[in-house]
Amino acid sequence: MMDTLSRSTDKHSEGTKRGAPMATILLIEDDGAVRRVLRQMLLGQGHEVIEAAGAPEAIQAAAGWTAPIELVITDVVMPQSNCDGLIAQLRAARPDLKAVLISGYTEDMLSEYGVDMSSRPNFLRKPFTTEQLRAKVREALGDGEALGGGKVLRQGA
């Protein structure tokens, strides 16, 4: 079941202090504790965050979001979906959407789920540091500067 959307602002984010432009990131992670930590990492970097606990919530949130979404960060293995199908659905409406895939599984384990990670440059293996996430987000966005804003839009619990 989907929660009501809510918005808050992190006034202490790096991007807000520097007045940098904001990137909107759709964060899809089925583990609530991991999602909360990732949200804080991204907010601390000044990004606007739309959260979803899984594919259905992510698709609904993206469909209802009228402003641009620059990046999706999604777990590779989740209940009711796989990352490829989810990203394809999101890109049907947002063809320029960039993606970063995250997983705690090894590449061998992911291949058992039918996911080949060998040709995917925007992959982060859990656990990762804030700096590793920052670098991967910058790389995916094609931007060497930190982007700012620090807003969160929550979707899913």
N, C-alpha and C. Protein backbone atom coordinates (compact mmCIF):
# COMPACT_ATOMS: atom_id res chain seq x y z
N MET A 1 0.84 -1.18 0.00
CA MET A 1 0.00 0.00 0.00
C MET A 1 0.88 1.24 0.00
N MET A 2 0.50 2.21 -0.76
CA MET A 2 1.31 3.41 -0.91
C MET A 2 0.94 4.46 0.12
N ASP A 3 1.94 5.07 0.73
CA ASP A 3 1.73 6.16 1.66
C ASP A 3 1.43 7.45 0.91
N THR A 4 0.89 8.41 1.64
CA THR A 4 0.68 9.74 1.07
C THR A 4 2.02 10.41 0.88
N LEU A 5 2.15 11.19 -0.18
CA LEU A 5 3.39 11.88 -0.45
C LEU A 5 3.60 12.99 0.56
N SER A 6 4.82 13.17 1.01
CA SER A 6 5.14 14.27 1.90
C SER A 6 6.47 14.87 1.48
N ARG A 7 6.69 16.09 1.89
CA ARG A 7 7.89 16.81 1.48
C ARG A 7 8.54 17.45 2.70
N SER A 8 9.85 17.37 2.75
CA SER A 8 10.60 18.09 3.78
C SER A 8 11.89 18.60 3.16
N THR A 9 12.56 19.47 3.87
CA THR A 9 13.79 20.06 3.34
C THR A 9 14.90 19.88 4.35
N ASP A 10 16.08 19.52 3.85
CA ASP A 10 17.28 19.44 4.68
C ASP A 10 18.04 20.73 4.48
N LYS A 11 17.92 21.65 5.44
CA LYS A 11 18.52 22.97 5.31
C LYS A 11 20.03 22.95 5.47
N HIS A 12 20.58 21.84 5.86
CA HIS A 12 22.03 21.76 6.09
C HIS A 12 22.74 21.02 4.98
N SER A 13 22.09 20.82 3.85
CA SER A 13 22.71 20.05 2.78
C SER A 13 23.83 20.85 2.13
N GLU A 14 24.80 20.13 1.64
CA GLU A 14 25.96 20.73 0.98
C GLU A 14 25.54 21.60 -0.21
N GLY A 15 24.62 21.08 -1.02
CA GLY A 15 24.19 21.81 -2.20
C GLY A 15 23.47 23.10 -1.85
N THR A 16 22.66 23.09 -0.80
CA THR A 16 21.93 24.29 -0.41
C THR A 16 22.89 25.36 0.05
N LYS A 17 23.91 25.00 0.79
CA LYS A 17 24.89 25.97 1.28
C LYS A 17 25.60 26.63 0.10
N ARG A 18 25.87 25.87 -0.95
CA ARG A 18 26.61 26.40 -2.08
C ARG A 18 25.69 26.99 -3.14
N GLY A 19 24.38 26.82 -2.99
CA GLY A 19 23.45 27.36 -3.95
C GLY A 19 23.50 26.67 -5.30
N ALA A 20 23.97 25.45 -5.36
CA ALA A 20 24.10 24.71 -6.61
C ALA A 20 22.72 24.27 -7.11
N PRO A 21 22.60 23.98 -8.40
CA PRO A 21 21.33 23.47 -8.91
C PRO A 21 21.00 22.11 -8.30
N MET A 22 19.77 21.74 -8.33
CA MET A 22 19.29 20.53 -7.68
C MET A 22 19.05 19.41 -8.69
N ALA A 23 19.39 18.18 -8.33
CA ALA A 23 19.03 17.00 -9.11
C ALA A 23 17.92 16.28 -8.36
N THR A 24 16.93 15.83 -9.07
CA THR A 24 15.87 15.03 -8.47
C THR A 24 16.19 13.57 -8.71
N ILE A 25 16.21 12.80 -7.63
CA ILE A 25 16.58 11.38 -7.70
C ILE A 25 15.43 10.54 -7.18
N LEU A 26 15.04 9.55 -7.98
CA LEU A 26 14.05 8.57 -7.57
C LEU A 26 14.81 7.41 -6.95
N LEU A 27 14.63 7.21 -5.65
CA LEU A 27 15.34 6.18 -4.88
C LEU A 27 14.39 5.02 -4.65
N ILE A 28 14.76 3.85 -5.14
CA ILE A 28 13.91 2.66 -5.02
C ILE A 28 14.70 1.58 -4.28
N GLU A 29 14.25 1.29 -3.08
CA GLU A 29 14.94 0.31 -2.22
C GLU A 29 13.88 -0.33 -1.33
N ASP A 30 13.79 -1.66 -1.36
CA ASP A 30 12.76 -2.34 -0.59
C ASP A 30 13.08 -2.45 0.89
N ASP A 31 14.32 -2.36 1.28
CA ASP A 31 14.70 -2.41 2.69
C ASP A 31 14.59 -1.01 3.29
N GLY A 32 13.63 -0.82 4.20
CA GLY A 32 13.37 0.50 4.76
C GLY A 32 14.57 1.13 5.44
N ALA A 33 15.33 0.35 6.18
CA ALA A 33 16.50 0.89 6.88
C ALA A 33 17.56 1.37 5.89
N VAL A 34 17.80 0.59 4.85
CA VAL A 34 18.77 0.97 3.83
C VAL A 34 18.28 2.22 3.09
N ARG A 35 16.98 2.24 2.77
CA ARG A 35 16.40 3.39 2.07
C ARG A 35 16.56 4.67 2.89
N ARG A 36 16.34 4.60 4.20
CA ARG A 36 16.50 5.79 5.05
C ARG A 36 17.94 6.28 5.06
N VAL A 37 18.90 5.38 5.14
CA VAL A 37 20.31 5.77 5.13
C VAL A 37 20.68 6.40 3.78
N LEU A 38 20.25 5.77 2.69
CA LEU A 38 20.54 6.33 1.37
C LEU A 38 19.89 7.70 1.19
N ARG A 39 18.66 7.84 1.66
CA ARG A 39 17.99 9.14 1.58
C ARG A 39 18.82 10.20 2.28
N GLN A 40 19.30 9.91 3.48
CA GLN A 40 20.11 10.89 4.23
C GLN A 40 21.41 11.20 3.50
N MET A 41 22.03 10.19 2.91
CA MET A 41 23.26 10.41 2.15
C MET A 41 23.00 11.36 0.98
N LEU A 42 21.91 11.12 0.26
CA LEU A 42 21.59 11.94 -0.91
C LEU A 42 21.16 13.35 -0.51
N LEU A 43 20.37 13.46 0.55
CA LEU A 43 19.98 14.78 1.04
C LEU A 43 21.20 15.58 1.48
N GLY A 44 22.13 14.89 2.13
CA GLY A 44 23.35 15.53 2.58
C GLY A 44 24.19 16.06 1.43
N GLN A 45 23.99 15.49 0.25
CA GLN A 45 24.68 15.95 -0.95
C GLN A 45 23.86 17.01 -1.68
N GLY A 46 22.67 17.33 -1.16
CA GLY A 46 21.85 18.39 -1.71
C GLY A 46 20.84 18.00 -2.75
N HIS A 47 20.58 16.72 -2.89
CA HIS A 47 19.65 16.26 -3.91
C HIS A 47 18.21 16.27 -3.41
N GLU A 48 17.28 16.39 -4.31
CA GLU A 48 15.87 16.17 -4.02
C GLU A 48 15.64 14.68 -4.18
N VAL A 49 14.91 14.07 -3.25
CA VAL A 49 14.75 12.62 -3.24
C VAL A 49 13.27 12.25 -3.25
N ILE A 50 12.91 11.40 -4.19
CA ILE A 50 11.59 10.78 -4.21
C ILE A 50 11.82 9.33 -3.82
N GLU A 51 11.17 8.88 -2.77
CA GLU A 51 11.40 7.53 -2.27
C GLU A 51 10.29 6.58 -2.69
N ALA A 52 10.68 5.34 -2.93
CA ALA A 52 9.71 4.28 -3.20
C ALA A 52 10.27 2.98 -2.65
N ALA A 53 9.38 2.17 -2.09
CA ALA A 53 9.77 0.89 -1.51
C ALA A 53 9.83 -0.22 -2.55
N GLY A 54 9.31 0.02 -3.73
CA GLY A 54 9.32 -0.99 -4.78
C GLY A 54 8.85 -0.44 -6.10
N ALA A 55 8.76 -1.33 -7.08
CA ALA A 55 8.43 -0.92 -8.44
C ALA A 55 7.05 -0.26 -8.57
N PRO A 56 6.00 -0.84 -8.00
CA PRO A 56 4.69 -0.20 -8.17
C PRO A 56 4.65 1.24 -7.65
N GLU A 57 5.24 1.45 -6.48
CA GLU A 57 5.27 2.80 -5.90
C GLU A 57 6.13 3.73 -6.75
N ALA A 58 7.24 3.22 -7.27
CA ALA A 58 8.14 4.04 -8.09
C ALA A 58 7.46 4.48 -9.38
N ILE A 59 6.77 3.57 -10.02
CA ILE A 59 6.09 3.90 -11.27
C ILE A 59 4.99 4.93 -11.01
N GLN A 60 4.24 4.74 -9.94
CA GLN A 60 3.18 5.69 -9.60
C GLN A 60 3.77 7.06 -9.23
N ALA A 61 4.83 7.07 -8.46
CA ALA A 61 5.46 8.34 -8.06
C ALA A 61 6.00 9.09 -9.27
N ALA A 62 6.67 8.38 -10.15
CA ALA A 62 7.23 9.02 -11.35
C ALA A 62 6.13 9.55 -12.26
N ALA A 63 5.04 8.80 -12.38
CA ALA A 63 3.92 9.23 -13.22
C ALA A 63 3.28 10.50 -12.67
N GLY A 64 3.27 10.62 -11.34
CA GLY A 64 2.65 11.79 -10.72
C GLY A 64 3.58 12.97 -10.54
N TRP A 65 4.83 12.80 -10.88
CA TRP A 65 5.84 13.85 -10.70
C TRP A 65 5.98 14.60 -12.01
N THR A 66 5.57 15.86 -12.04
CA THR A 66 5.56 16.59 -13.30
C THR A 66 6.91 17.22 -13.64
N ALA A 67 7.74 17.49 -12.65
CA ALA A 67 9.06 18.07 -12.89
C ALA A 67 10.02 16.98 -13.35
N PRO A 68 11.16 17.37 -13.91
CA PRO A 68 12.14 16.37 -14.35
C PRO A 68 12.67 15.52 -13.19
N ILE A 69 12.95 14.28 -13.48
CA ILE A 69 13.67 13.36 -12.60
C ILE A 69 14.94 13.02 -13.37
N GLU A 70 16.08 13.40 -12.82
CA GLU A 70 17.34 13.21 -13.55
C GLU A 70 17.92 11.81 -13.40
N LEU A 71 17.65 11.17 -12.25
CA LEU A 71 18.34 9.92 -11.95
C LEU A 71 17.45 9.00 -11.13
N VAL A 72 17.55 7.71 -11.43
CA VAL A 72 16.93 6.70 -10.58
C VAL A 72 18.06 5.88 -9.97
N ILE A 73 17.97 5.65 -8.67
CA ILE A 73 18.87 4.74 -7.98
C ILE A 73 18.00 3.60 -7.49
N THR A 74 18.28 2.41 -7.98
CA THR A 74 17.41 1.28 -7.63
C THR A 74 18.21 0.05 -7.25
N ASP A 75 17.65 -0.67 -6.30
CA ASP A 75 18.18 -1.98 -5.96
C ASP A 75 17.97 -2.88 -7.16
N VAL A 76 18.89 -3.77 -7.41
CA VAL A 76 18.79 -4.65 -8.57
C VAL A 76 17.73 -5.73 -8.34
N VAL A 77 17.71 -6.33 -7.16
CA VAL A 77 16.79 -7.42 -6.85
C VAL A 77 15.78 -6.94 -5.82
N MET A 78 14.52 -6.92 -6.24
CA MET A 78 13.42 -6.53 -5.35
C MET A 78 12.23 -7.44 -5.59
N PRO A 79 11.35 -7.55 -4.59
CA PRO A 79 10.13 -8.32 -4.83
C PRO A 79 9.31 -7.66 -5.95
N GLN A 80 8.64 -8.43 -6.74
CA GLN A 80 7.72 -7.98 -7.78
C GLN A 80 8.38 -7.28 -8.96
N SER A 81 9.71 -7.28 -9.06
CA SER A 81 10.31 -6.60 -10.20
C SER A 81 11.77 -6.95 -10.35
N ASN A 82 12.30 -6.62 -11.52
CA ASN A 82 13.75 -6.62 -11.69
C ASN A 82 14.12 -5.24 -12.21
N CYS A 83 15.34 -4.87 -12.04
CA CYS A 83 15.77 -3.50 -12.37
C CYS A 83 15.59 -3.17 -13.84
N ASP A 84 15.82 -4.12 -14.72
CA ASP A 84 15.72 -3.84 -16.15
C ASP A 84 14.30 -3.49 -16.57
N GLY A 85 13.35 -4.28 -16.12
CA GLY A 85 11.96 -4.01 -16.45
C GLY A 85 11.47 -2.70 -15.86
N LEU A 86 11.87 -2.43 -14.63
CA LEU A 86 11.47 -1.20 -13.96
C LEU A 86 12.05 0.02 -14.68
N ILE A 87 13.33 -0.02 -14.98
CA ILE A 87 13.96 1.12 -15.66
C ILE A 87 13.36 1.33 -17.04
N ALA A 88 13.06 0.24 -17.75
CA ALA A 88 12.43 0.37 -19.06
C ALA A 88 11.07 1.05 -18.95
N GLN A 89 10.29 0.68 -17.94
CA GLN A 89 8.98 1.32 -17.74
C GLN A 89 9.15 2.81 -17.43
N LEU A 90 10.09 3.14 -16.57
CA LEU A 90 10.31 4.54 -16.22
C LEU A 90 10.79 5.34 -17.42
N ARG A 91 11.67 4.74 -18.22
CA ARG A 91 12.22 5.44 -19.39
C ARG A 91 11.20 5.58 -20.53
N ALA A 92 10.13 4.80 -20.50
CA ALA A 92 9.10 4.96 -21.53
C ALA A 92 8.51 6.37 -21.46
N ALA A 93 8.38 6.90 -20.25
CA ALA A 93 7.85 8.27 -20.07
C ALA A 93 8.96 9.30 -19.93
N ARG A 94 10.17 8.86 -19.54
CA ARG A 94 11.29 9.76 -19.31
C ARG A 94 12.54 9.18 -19.97
N PRO A 95 12.65 9.33 -21.29
CA PRO A 95 13.74 8.68 -22.03
C PRO A 95 15.14 9.09 -21.61
N ASP A 96 15.30 10.27 -21.05
CA ASP A 96 16.63 10.75 -20.65
C ASP A 96 17.01 10.34 -19.24
N LEU A 97 16.16 9.58 -18.57
CA LEU A 97 16.41 9.18 -17.18
C LEU A 97 17.68 8.33 -17.10
N LYS A 98 18.57 8.73 -16.22
CA LYS A 98 19.81 7.97 -16.00
C LYS A 98 19.60 7.06 -14.80
N ALA A 99 20.42 6.02 -14.68
CA ALA A 99 20.22 5.04 -13.62
C ALA A 99 21.53 4.63 -12.97
N VAL A 100 21.45 4.41 -11.66
CA VAL A 100 22.51 3.79 -10.87
C VAL A 100 21.88 2.57 -10.21
N LEU A 101 22.51 1.43 -10.39
CA LEU A 101 22.03 0.19 -9.80
C LEU A 101 22.85 -0.13 -8.55
N ILE A 102 22.15 -0.60 -7.52
CA ILE A 102 22.83 -0.97 -6.28
C ILE A 102 22.41 -2.37 -5.87
N SER A 103 23.32 -3.11 -5.25
CA SER A 103 22.99 -4.44 -4.77
C SER A 103 24.05 -4.93 -3.79
N GLY A 104 23.60 -5.75 -2.88
CA GLY A 104 24.50 -6.43 -1.97
C GLY A 104 24.91 -7.80 -2.51
N TYR A 105 24.30 -8.22 -3.60
CA TYR A 105 24.61 -9.50 -4.21
C TYR A 105 25.88 -9.41 -5.06
N THR A 106 26.57 -10.52 -5.16
CA THR A 106 27.73 -10.58 -6.05
C THR A 106 27.24 -10.69 -7.49
N GLU A 107 28.14 -10.46 -8.44
CA GLU A 107 27.76 -10.57 -9.86
C GLU A 107 27.29 -11.98 -10.20
N ASP A 108 27.91 -13.01 -9.60
CA ASP A 108 27.48 -14.39 -9.84
C ASP A 108 26.06 -14.61 -9.34
N MET A 109 25.77 -14.10 -8.15
CA MET A 109 24.42 -14.24 -7.60
C MET A 109 23.40 -13.48 -8.46
N LEU A 110 23.78 -12.30 -8.94
CA LEU A 110 22.87 -11.51 -9.77
C LEU A 110 22.58 -12.22 -11.09
N SER A 111 23.57 -12.92 -11.62
CA SER A 111 23.36 -13.63 -12.88
C SER A 111 22.30 -14.73 -12.70
N GLU A 112 22.17 -15.27 -11.49
CA GLU A 112 21.12 -16.25 -11.22
C GLU A 112 19.73 -15.62 -11.33
N TYR A 113 19.65 -14.31 -11.14
CA TYR A 113 18.39 -13.57 -11.30
C TYR A 113 18.23 -13.07 -12.74
N GLY A 114 19.16 -13.43 -13.61
CA GLY A 114 19.09 -13.02 -15.00
C GLY A 114 19.61 -11.62 -15.27
N VAL A 115 20.44 -11.11 -14.37
CA VAL A 115 20.98 -9.76 -14.52
C VAL A 115 22.48 -9.87 -14.75
N ASP A 116 22.93 -9.37 -15.90
CA ASP A 116 24.35 -9.37 -16.24
C ASP A 116 24.92 -7.99 -15.92
N MET A 117 25.78 -7.91 -14.94
CA MET A 117 26.32 -6.63 -14.49
C MET A 117 27.63 -6.27 -15.18
N SER A 118 28.16 -7.15 -16.03
CA SER A 118 29.49 -6.93 -16.60
C SER A 118 29.58 -5.68 -17.47
N SER A 119 28.49 -5.29 -18.11
CA SER A 119 28.55 -4.13 -19.00
C SER A 119 27.81 -2.91 -18.43
N ARG A 120 27.68 -2.85 -17.12
CA ARG A 120 26.96 -1.75 -16.50
C ARG A 120 27.90 -0.89 -15.65
N PRO A 121 28.27 0.27 -16.17
CA PRO A 121 29.23 1.09 -15.44
C PRO A 121 28.65 1.75 -14.20
N ASN A 122 27.34 1.97 -14.17
CA ASN A 122 26.74 2.66 -13.04
C ASN A 122 26.16 1.67 -12.04
N PHE A 123 27.06 0.88 -11.47
CA PHE A 123 26.70 -0.12 -10.47
C PHE A 123 27.52 0.10 -9.22
N LEU A 124 26.84 0.07 -8.08
CA LEU A 124 27.51 0.16 -6.78
C LEU A 124 27.16 -1.07 -5.96
N ARG A 125 28.16 -1.73 -5.46
CA ARG A 125 27.94 -2.90 -4.62
C ARG A 125 27.85 -2.45 -3.17
N LYS A 126 26.78 -2.88 -2.49
CA LYS A 126 26.61 -2.57 -1.08
C LYS A 126 27.57 -3.43 -0.27
N PRO A 127 28.09 -2.94 0.80
CA PRO A 127 27.93 -1.57 1.30
C PRO A 127 28.88 -0.62 0.57
N PHE A 128 28.52 0.66 0.54
CA PHE A 128 29.37 1.68 -0.06
C PHE A 128 29.35 2.92 0.81
N THR A 129 30.34 3.76 0.61
CA THR A 129 30.47 4.97 1.42
C THR A 129 29.69 6.12 0.78
N THR A 130 29.52 7.17 1.55
CA THR A 130 28.89 8.38 1.03
C THR A 130 29.68 8.92 -0.15
N GLU A 131 30.99 8.90 -0.06
CA GLU A 131 31.82 9.43 -1.15
C GLU A 131 31.70 8.56 -2.40
N GLN A 132 31.61 7.25 -2.23
CA GLN A 132 31.43 6.37 -3.40
C GLN A 132 30.08 6.64 -4.07
N LEU A 133 29.05 6.86 -3.26
CA LEU A 133 27.74 7.19 -3.81
C LEU A 133 27.78 8.53 -4.52
N ARG A 134 28.39 9.52 -3.90
CA ARG A 134 28.52 10.85 -4.50
C ARG A 134 29.21 10.76 -5.87
N ALA A 135 30.32 10.01 -5.93
CA ALA A 135 31.07 9.88 -7.18
C ALA A 135 30.24 9.18 -8.25
N LYS A 136 29.51 8.14 -7.86
CA LYS A 136 28.71 7.40 -8.84
C LYS A 136 27.55 8.24 -9.36
N VAL A 137 26.93 9.03 -8.47
CA VAL A 137 25.85 9.92 -8.89
C VAL A 137 26.39 10.96 -9.86
N ARG A 138 27.52 11.57 -9.53
CA ARG A 138 28.14 12.55 -10.44
C ARG A 138 28.46 11.93 -11.78
N GLU A 139 29.02 10.73 -11.75
CA GLU A 139 29.37 10.04 -12.99
C GLU A 139 28.12 9.77 -13.83
N ALA A 140 27.07 9.28 -13.20
CA ALA A 140 25.84 8.96 -13.92
C ALA A 140 25.20 10.21 -14.52
N LEU A 141 25.25 11.30 -13.77
CA LEU A 141 24.66 12.55 -14.24
C LEU A 141 25.56 13.27 -15.24
N GLY A 142 26.81 12.82 -15.31
CA GLY A 142 27.75 13.48 -16.21
C GLY A 142 28.13 14.85 -15.73
N ASP A 143 28.20 15.01 -14.41
CA ASP A 143 28.46 16.32 -13.81
C ASP A 143 29.52 16.19 -12.72
N GLY A 144 30.58 16.91 -12.83
CA GLY A 144 31.64 16.88 -11.84
C GLY A 144 31.33 17.69 -10.60
N GLU A 145 30.28 18.49 -10.62
CA GLU A 145 29.91 19.31 -9.46
C GLU A 145 28.80 18.63 -8.68
N ALA A 146 28.80 18.82 -7.37
CA ALA A 146 27.69 18.35 -6.54
C ALA A 146 26.47 19.17 -6.90
N LEU A 147 25.33 18.51 -6.98
CA LEU A 147 24.09 19.19 -7.27
C LEU A 147 23.37 19.44 -5.95
N GLY A 148 22.53 20.46 -5.88
CA GLY A 148 21.97 20.85 -4.59
C GLY A 148 20.47 20.86 -4.53
N GLY A 149 19.94 21.10 -3.34
CA GLY A 149 18.51 21.22 -3.13
C GLY A 149 18.10 20.71 -1.78
N GLY A 150 18.31 19.45 -1.52
CA GLY A 150 18.07 18.87 -0.21
C GLY A 150 16.62 18.68 0.16
N LYS A 151 15.76 18.31 -0.78
CA LYS A 151 14.36 18.07 -0.47
C LYS A 151 14.09 16.57 -0.56
N VAL A 152 13.10 16.12 0.20
CA VAL A 152 12.72 14.72 0.14
C VAL A 152 11.22 14.64 -0.09
N LEU A 153 10.86 13.74 -0.97
CA LEU A 153 9.47 13.42 -1.22
C LEU A 153 9.34 11.94 -0.92
N ARG A 154 8.59 11.58 0.10
CA ARG A 154 8.55 10.20 0.54
C ARG A 154 7.42 9.44 -0.11
N GLN A 155 7.76 8.25 -0.57
CA GLN A 155 6.82 7.34 -1.20
C GLN A 155 7.08 5.97 -0.62
N GLY A 156 6.16 5.37 0.05
CA GLY A 156 6.37 4.07 0.67
C GLY A 156 6.99 4.24 2.04
N ALA A 157 6.82 3.26 2.90
CA ALA A 157 7.30 3.37 4.29
C ALA A 157 8.60 2.68 4.51
